[in-house]
Amino acid sequence: MNSVLADLETSKLSDADKALFRFVRKVNEESVAIGPPDIALLHEAGFTDEAIYYAITVCSLFNFYNRWIDASGVHAMSDEAHRIGAKRSAMHGYTRTSQPLSSGIPQK
């Protein structure tokens, strides 16, 4: 993961994943400039419209949540809570129905 954060282009990600991360960066930094050629590049990399929609949605929601948390004064989760949440999502997905009954996230 650190190699992706340090330099996407020299990371060990596949070319398709690099294309998706480049697109997500554009969603973050210049979404108004996204057009058909951007979507065509993702199609060429093997992504479906549904996958592109989900990438846009997840990116946008995280932007919303981060701004809402910052502006409302909600306290950020600890690094340990993020690790537990990430592990849970990797194992069970993002949907509520796929989550185990006990989240395992420590309470403050």
Protein backbone atom coordinates (compact mmCIF):
# COMPACT_ATOMS: atom_id res chain seq x y z
CA MET A 1 0.00 0.00 0.00
CA ASN A 2 2.78 2.45 0.81
CA SER A 3 4.17 2.06 -2.71
CA VAL A 4 0.78 3.07 -4.13
CA LEU A 5 0.65 6.15 -1.93
CA ALA A 6 4.27 7.06 -2.67
CA ASP A 7 4.07 6.63 -6.45
CA LEU A 8 1.13 4.99 -8.15
CA GLU A 9 2.97 4.59 -11.45
CA THR A 10 5.86 2.53 -10.03
CA SER A 11 3.68 0.53 -7.63
CA LYS A 12 2.99 -3.17 -8.15
CA LEU A 13 -0.67 -2.59 -9.00
CA SER A 14 -1.94 -3.96 -12.29
CA ASP A 15 -2.32 -1.55 -15.21
CA ALA A 16 -6.11 -1.79 -14.81
CA ASP A 17 -5.96 -0.86 -11.13
CA LYS A 18 -3.61 2.03 -11.90
CA ALA A 19 -6.13 3.30 -14.46
CA LEU A 20 -8.87 3.14 -11.84
CA PHE A 21 -6.76 5.00 -9.26
CA ARG A 22 -5.91 7.68 -11.84
CA PHE A 23 -9.63 8.07 -12.47
CA VAL A 24 -10.44 8.29 -8.76
CA ARG A 25 -7.75 10.97 -8.41
CA LYS A 26 -9.51 12.90 -11.18
CA VAL A 27 -12.84 12.45 -9.38
CA ASN A 28 -11.20 14.05 -6.32
CA GLU A 29 -9.28 16.83 -8.02
CA GLU A 30 -11.11 17.80 -11.20
CA SER A 31 -14.42 15.96 -11.47
CA VAL A 32 -15.92 18.68 -13.66
CA ALA A 33 -13.40 17.72 -16.36
CA ILE A 34 -14.41 14.05 -16.51
CA GLY A 35 -15.80 13.07 -19.88
CA PRO A 36 -16.38 10.15 -22.23
CA PRO A 37 -12.64 9.60 -22.90
CA ASP A 38 -12.07 8.96 -19.18
CA ILE A 39 -14.81 6.34 -19.12
CA ALA A 40 -13.51 4.80 -22.37
CA LEU A 41 -10.08 4.30 -20.76
CA LEU A 42 -11.69 2.41 -17.90
CA HIS A 43 -13.73 0.29 -20.28
CA GLU A 44 -10.51 -0.55 -22.17
CA ALA A 45 -8.98 -1.59 -18.82
CA GLY A 46 -11.89 -4.01 -18.32
CA PHE A 47 -14.15 -2.07 -15.95
CA THR A 48 -17.91 -2.14 -16.44
CA ASP A 49 -20.20 0.84 -16.09
CA GLU A 50 -21.36 -0.61 -12.78
CA ALA A 51 -17.79 -0.84 -11.44
CA ILE A 52 -17.10 2.74 -12.54
CA TYR A 53 -20.32 3.89 -10.87
CA TYR A 54 -19.25 2.21 -7.61
CA ALA A 55 -15.78 3.79 -7.79
CA ILE A 56 -17.33 7.24 -8.23
CA THR A 57 -19.84 6.59 -5.45
CA VAL A 58 -17.31 5.33 -2.90
CA CYS A 59 -14.92 8.19 -3.65
CA SER A 60 -17.68 10.77 -3.42
CA LEU A 61 -19.12 9.37 -0.21
CA PHE A 62 -15.73 9.35 1.49
CA ASN A 63 -15.27 12.99 0.46
CA PHE A 64 -18.68 13.80 1.93
CA TYR A 65 -18.03 11.90 5.16
CA ASN A 66 -14.62 13.50 5.67
CA ARG A 67 -16.00 17.00 5.20
CA TRP A 68 -19.02 16.28 7.40
CA ILE A 69 -16.82 14.89 10.17
CA ASP A 70 -14.39 17.81 9.96
CA ALA A 71 -17.14 20.44 9.96
CA SER A 72 -19.34 18.86 12.64
CA GLY A 73 -16.55 18.16 15.10
CA VAL A 74 -17.16 14.43 15.25
CA HIS A 75 -14.09 12.75 16.67
CA ALA A 76 -12.12 10.62 14.27
CA MET A 77 -11.84 6.89 14.91
CA SER A 78 -8.59 5.52 16.26
CA ASP A 79 -6.12 3.79 13.96
CA GLU A 80 -7.05 0.49 15.61
CA ALA A 81 -10.76 1.05 14.91
CA HIS A 82 -9.92 1.78 11.25
CA ARG A 83 -7.86 -1.44 11.03
CA ILE A 84 -10.71 -3.48 12.50
CA GLY A 85 -13.25 -1.85 10.18
CA ALA A 86 -11.05 -2.41 7.14
CA LYS A 87 -10.55 -6.07 8.04
CA ARG A 88 -14.30 -6.51 8.56
CA SER A 89 -15.07 -4.87 5.20
CA ALA A 90 -12.44 -6.98 3.42
CA MET A 91 -13.93 -10.15 4.89
CA HIS A 92 -17.64 -9.30 4.65
CA GLY A 93 -18.04 -6.47 2.12
CA TYR A 94 -19.68 -3.08 2.57
CA THR A 95 -23.34 -4.01 2.72
CA ARG A 96 -25.08 -4.06 6.07
CA THR A 97 -26.56 -7.51 5.44
CA SER A 98 -23.06 -8.94 4.93
CA GLN A 99 -21.77 -7.61 8.27
CA PRO A 100 -21.51 -9.88 11.30
CA LEU A 101 -23.81 -9.02 14.22
CA SER A 102 -20.89 -7.75 16.32
CA SER A 103 -18.67 -5.27 14.53
CA GLY A 104 -15.72 -5.67 16.90
CA ILE A 105 -14.96 -1.95 16.81
CA PRO A 106 -13.84 -0.83 20.25
CA GLN A 107 -16.01 1.81 21.88
CA LYS A 108 -14.47 4.98 23.28
